Amino acid sequence: MTPPLIAVAHGSRDPRSARVVATAVSALRAQRPDLDVRLCFLDLNAPSVDQVLDAVAAEGHPSAVVVPMLLGSAFHARVDLPGLLDAVRLRHPHLHVQQADVLGQDTRLIDAVRDRIVEAGGSTGDSGLGVILAAVGSSDLATNARTRALAESVVAGTSWSGGITCFATSAEPTVQQAISTARHVGADRIVIAPWFLAPGLLTDRLSHAAETCGPGITYAATIGPHPGLLDVMLDRYWQTLALLQEFHALSA
């Protein structure tokens, strides 16, 4: 029996977020109808992680692979989700639950952001276009440093005038500061590209702040159900399934 793929999303008070995540998971099911793919949320939306994994255990599955739909390895990936899974293991000692790596800064997700910029009208040959990658921000300086480097990866291979990362929370530059810098280095048009899977309150905050900075600014769509996202999720699943199979072989 192939273990279910349990996609775990962050959750949001904004209903658009759950809809976009659900669309991505539905696309994954359509791409791989042979897999049992289920969606749950860490917070604010249903079903919860507990509800889905309790159902998996009740159906008699011996194992499950949990794929966090998270771009960074922060509190939710390192503390929150592992704690939930430990509680599931206590309730269901015969269910082997393995957490996969986060989506991370995979090149396929960077390609997805670049595609969203092009869809927003950003021709890759436009040397007057500045790109601002909008991310959440962290209290961890090393995490922010890694995220800042992403903007350069997004603009690599294009004629765009440059890429700058801004943050919605906890760090600088803000979106206004990033727009000012982009214009200072010669961009006459700017696309703000969200490093987010789905829209929500933070992406709205960023877009509203950008609106105060004058004309010539376009806001690209979030990553959403891009094929690159589906590929990364499947890779995280198969990598973790290999570890599960190794565990079962050693335990046999």
Protein backbone atom coordinates (compact mmCIF):
# COMPACT_ATOMS: atom_id res chain seq x y z
CA MET A 1 0.00 0.00 0.00
CA THR A 2 1.52 3.30 -1.09
CA PRO A 3 1.49 5.76 1.83
CA PRO A 4 -0.80 8.76 1.51
CA LEU A 5 0.79 12.11 0.71
CA ILE A 6 -0.40 14.54 3.38
CA ALA A 7 0.06 18.10 2.14
CA VAL A 8 0.21 20.48 5.10
CA ALA A 9 -0.45 24.16 4.39
CA HIS A 10 -0.01 27.09 6.74
CA GLY A 11 -3.62 28.25 6.93
CA SER A 12 -4.97 31.80 6.80
CA ARG A 13 -7.92 33.94 7.80
CA ASP A 14 -8.09 35.00 4.15
CA PRO A 15 -10.28 32.50 2.25
CA ARG A 16 -8.31 33.10 -0.96
CA SER A 17 -5.31 31.37 0.58
CA ALA A 18 -7.11 28.08 1.26
CA ARG A 19 -8.73 28.18 -2.19
CA VAL A 20 -5.40 28.58 -3.99
CA VAL A 21 -3.73 25.87 -1.91
CA ALA A 22 -6.67 23.53 -2.51
CA THR A 23 -6.42 24.21 -6.24
CA ALA A 24 -2.73 23.26 -6.18
CA VAL A 25 -3.46 20.02 -4.30
CA SER A 26 -6.30 19.21 -6.71
CA ALA A 27 -3.88 19.71 -9.60
CA LEU A 28 -1.46 17.33 -7.90
CA ARG A 29 -4.19 14.70 -7.59
CA ALA A 30 -5.05 15.13 -11.26
CA GLN A 31 -1.38 14.75 -12.21
CA ARG A 32 -0.91 11.65 -10.06
CA PRO A 33 -4.28 9.87 -9.71
CA ASP A 34 -2.41 6.81 -8.44
CA LEU A 35 -1.51 8.64 -5.21
CA ASP A 36 -3.73 9.26 -2.21
CA VAL A 37 -3.21 13.02 -1.74
CA ARG A 38 -4.86 14.78 1.19
CA LEU A 39 -4.76 18.41 2.29
CA CYS A 40 -4.74 19.75 5.84
CA PHE A 41 -3.79 22.96 7.61
CA LEU A 42 -1.64 23.91 10.57
CA ASP A 43 -4.05 26.59 11.71
CA LEU A 44 -7.15 28.67 10.92
CA ASN A 45 -8.56 26.32 8.24
CA ALA A 46 -10.02 22.81 8.16
CA PRO A 47 -9.29 19.98 8.07
CA SER A 48 -6.53 20.05 10.65
CA VAL A 49 -3.41 17.89 10.68
CA ASP A 50 -4.90 15.85 13.53
CA GLN A 51 -8.17 15.25 11.69
CA VAL A 52 -6.52 14.02 8.51
CA LEU A 53 -3.95 11.78 10.18
CA ASP A 54 -6.53 10.34 12.57
CA ALA A 55 -8.57 9.39 9.51
CA VAL A 56 -5.51 7.86 7.84
CA ALA A 57 -4.87 5.76 10.95
CA ALA A 58 -8.54 4.72 11.20
CA GLU A 59 -8.41 3.49 7.60
CA GLY A 60 -5.58 1.14 8.52
CA HIS A 61 -2.69 2.74 6.68
CA PRO A 62 0.65 1.66 8.19
CA SER A 63 2.45 4.86 7.17
CA ALA A 64 2.02 8.35 5.77
CA VAL A 65 4.33 11.00 4.32
CA VAL A 66 3.71 14.58 5.44
CA VAL A 67 4.80 17.21 2.90
CA PRO A 68 4.91 20.73 4.38
CA MET A 69 3.75 23.33 1.86
CA LEU A 70 6.15 25.78 3.46
CA LEU A 71 8.83 27.81 1.72
CA GLY A 72 11.10 28.17 4.74
CA SER A 73 12.31 26.02 7.59
CA ALA A 74 11.09 28.27 10.39
CA PHE A 75 8.99 27.68 13.52
CA HIS A 76 6.12 25.88 11.80
CA ALA A 77 8.42 23.38 10.09
CA ARG A 78 10.89 22.90 12.95
CA VAL A 79 8.65 23.03 16.03
CA ASP A 80 4.92 23.29 15.35
CA LEU A 81 4.43 20.49 12.82
CA PRO A 82 6.87 18.01 14.46
CA GLY A 83 5.00 18.52 17.74
CA LEU A 84 1.69 17.73 16.09
CA LEU A 85 3.16 14.62 14.47
CA ASP A 86 4.61 13.41 17.77
CA ALA A 87 1.13 13.62 19.30
CA VAL A 88 -0.27 11.64 16.35
CA ARG A 89 2.35 8.92 16.90
CA LEU A 90 1.34 8.66 20.55
CA ARG A 91 -2.32 8.24 19.60
CA HIS A 92 -1.57 5.84 16.77
CA PRO A 93 1.62 3.88 17.56
CA HIS A 94 1.13 1.62 14.54
CA LEU A 95 1.08 4.55 12.09
CA HIS A 96 4.56 5.52 10.96
CA VAL A 97 4.47 9.21 10.04
CA GLN A 98 7.46 10.77 8.31
CA GLN A 99 7.83 14.51 7.73
CA ALA A 100 9.41 15.56 4.44
CA ASP A 101 11.63 18.58 3.96
CA VAL A 102 10.04 21.96 3.32
CA LEU A 103 9.72 23.18 -0.25
CA GLY A 104 12.63 25.54 0.33
CA GLN A 105 14.41 27.65 -2.25
CA ASP A 106 14.12 25.05 -4.99
CA THR A 107 15.11 26.25 -8.46
CA ARG A 108 11.73 25.12 -9.82
CA LEU A 109 9.99 27.53 -7.47
CA ILE A 110 12.34 30.30 -8.53
CA ASP A 111 11.42 29.48 -12.13
CA ALA A 112 7.76 29.64 -11.12
CA VAL A 113 8.21 33.16 -9.74
CA ARG A 114 9.95 34.19 -12.96
CA ASP A 115 6.99 32.80 -14.93
CA ARG A 116 4.57 34.84 -12.81
CA ILE A 117 6.59 37.97 -13.56
CA VAL A 118 6.41 37.26 -17.29
CA GLU A 119 2.66 36.63 -17.00
CA ALA A 120 2.37 40.05 -15.37
CA GLY A 121 3.93 41.64 -18.45
CA GLY A 122 7.60 41.46 -17.54
CA SER A 123 9.34 40.45 -20.76
CA THR A 124 12.68 38.82 -19.99
CA GLY A 125 14.35 41.15 -22.49
CA ASP A 126 13.12 44.34 -20.79
CA SER A 127 16.23 46.07 -19.43
CA GLY A 128 14.13 48.80 -17.83
CA LEU A 129 12.29 46.37 -15.57
CA GLY A 130 13.21 46.07 -11.92
CA VAL A 131 12.05 43.06 -9.91
CA ILE A 132 11.23 43.13 -6.23
CA LEU A 133 10.80 39.75 -4.59
CA ALA A 134 8.41 40.13 -1.65
CA ALA A 135 8.89 37.63 1.19
CA VAL A 136 7.61 37.21 4.73
CA GLY A 137 10.73 38.08 6.73
CA SER A 138 12.12 36.40 9.81
CA SER A 139 13.61 37.31 13.17
CA ASP A 140 16.54 35.09 12.17
CA LEU A 141 19.22 37.11 10.36
CA ALA A 142 20.67 34.10 8.54
CA THR A 143 17.24 33.19 7.16
CA ASN A 144 16.74 36.73 5.88
CA ALA A 145 20.18 36.67 4.26
CA ARG A 146 19.29 33.52 2.34
CA THR A 147 15.99 35.04 1.26
CA ARG A 148 17.69 38.24 0.08
CA ALA A 149 19.85 36.18 -2.28
CA LEU A 150 16.74 34.77 -3.96
CA ALA A 151 16.01 37.95 -5.91
CA GLU A 152 19.29 37.63 -7.79
CA SER A 153 18.38 34.06 -8.71
CA VAL A 154 14.99 35.19 -10.03
CA VAL A 155 16.51 37.77 -12.42
CA ALA A 156 19.40 35.51 -13.53
CA GLY A 157 19.35 34.89 -17.28
CA THR A 158 17.15 37.91 -18.02
CA SER A 159 17.87 41.47 -19.09
CA TRP A 160 16.03 42.90 -16.08
CA SER A 161 17.76 45.82 -14.39
CA GLY A 162 18.11 43.97 -11.11
CA GLY A 163 16.38 42.13 -8.31
CA ILE A 164 15.82 43.23 -4.71
CA THR A 165 14.17 41.28 -1.91
CA CYS A 166 11.81 43.12 0.42
CA PHE A 167 10.03 41.84 3.50
CA ALA A 168 6.47 42.08 4.73
CA THR A 169 7.44 41.60 8.39
CA SER A 170 10.40 41.56 10.79
CA ALA A 171 13.10 42.84 8.44
CA GLU A 172 14.21 45.48 5.96
CA PRO A 173 14.07 46.62 3.28
CA THR A 174 10.37 47.30 3.23
CA VAL A 175 8.61 47.30 -0.11
CA GLN A 176 8.76 51.11 -0.22
CA GLN A 177 12.51 51.08 0.43
CA ALA A 178 13.03 48.42 -2.22
CA ILE A 179 11.04 50.39 -4.79
CA SER A 180 13.12 53.50 -4.06
CA THR A 181 16.34 51.52 -4.51
CA ALA A 182 15.15 49.92 -7.75
CA ARG A 183 14.34 53.32 -9.22
CA HIS A 184 17.64 54.74 -8.04
CA VAL A 185 19.55 52.07 -9.99
CA GLY A 186 17.63 52.76 -13.19
CA ALA A 187 14.38 50.77 -13.25
CA ASP A 188 11.57 52.69 -14.88
CA ARG A 189 9.05 49.87 -14.42
CA ILE A 190 8.78 47.55 -11.45
CA VAL A 191 7.16 44.16 -10.90
CA ILE A 192 6.63 43.00 -7.34
CA ALA A 193 6.78 39.22 -7.27
CA PRO A 194 5.47 37.48 -4.12
CA TRP A 195 7.58 34.68 -2.64
CA PHE A 196 4.31 33.25 -1.35
CA LEU A 197 2.33 30.19 -2.38
CA ALA A 198 -1.02 31.95 -2.09
CA PRO A 199 -2.49 35.41 -1.58
CA GLY A 200 -3.50 36.62 1.84
CA LEU A 201 -3.31 39.44 4.34
CA LEU A 202 0.46 39.88 3.97
CA THR A 203 0.41 40.03 0.19
CA ASP A 204 -2.39 42.59 0.43
CA ARG A 205 -0.30 44.63 2.86
CA LEU A 206 2.58 44.61 0.40
CA SER A 207 0.44 45.60 -2.57
CA HIS A 208 -1.25 48.41 -0.65
CA ALA A 209 2.14 49.75 0.46
CA ALA A 210 3.39 49.61 -3.13
CA GLU A 211 0.38 51.64 -4.30
CA THR A 212 1.68 54.60 -2.32
CA CYS A 213 4.90 54.66 -4.35
CA GLY A 214 3.57 56.05 -7.60
CA PRO A 215 2.94 54.66 -11.10
CA GLY A 216 4.81 52.02 -13.05
CA ILE A 217 4.39 49.23 -10.51
CA THR A 218 2.81 45.86 -11.32
CA TYR A 219 2.01 43.12 -8.83
CA ALA A 220 2.55 39.54 -10.04
CA ALA A 221 0.51 36.55 -8.91
CA THR A 222 1.65 34.21 -6.16
CA ILE A 223 3.24 30.86 -7.07
CA GLY A 224 -0.10 29.05 -6.77
CA PRO A 225 -0.72 25.78 -8.66
CA HIS A 226 2.34 26.15 -10.86
CA PRO A 227 3.73 22.88 -12.30
CA GLY A 228 7.02 23.61 -10.53
CA LEU A 229 5.27 23.54 -7.15
CA LEU A 230 3.67 20.19 -7.94
CA ASP A 231 7.03 18.75 -9.03
CA VAL A 232 8.74 19.88 -5.82
CA MET A 233 5.97 18.44 -3.66
CA LEU A 234 6.24 15.10 -5.44
CA ASP A 235 10.01 15.08 -5.08
CA ARG A 236 9.76 15.72 -1.34
CA TYR A 237 7.26 12.85 -1.13
CA TRP A 238 9.38 10.34 -3.07
CA GLN A 239 12.57 11.28 -1.20
CA THR A 240 10.84 10.72 2.12
CA LEU A 241 9.12 7.54 0.94
CA ALA A 242 12.56 6.10 0.19
CA LEU A 243 13.52 6.77 3.82
CA LEU A 244 10.32 5.09 4.99
CA GLN A 245 11.01 2.04 2.89
CA GLU A 246 14.55 1.86 4.27
CA PHE A 247 13.15 2.07 7.79
CA HIS A 248 10.69 -0.76 7.14
CA ALA A 249 13.44 -2.90 5.57
CA LEU A 250 15.65 -2.45 8.61
CA SER A 251 12.74 -3.20 10.94
CA ALA A 252 11.74 -6.38 9.10
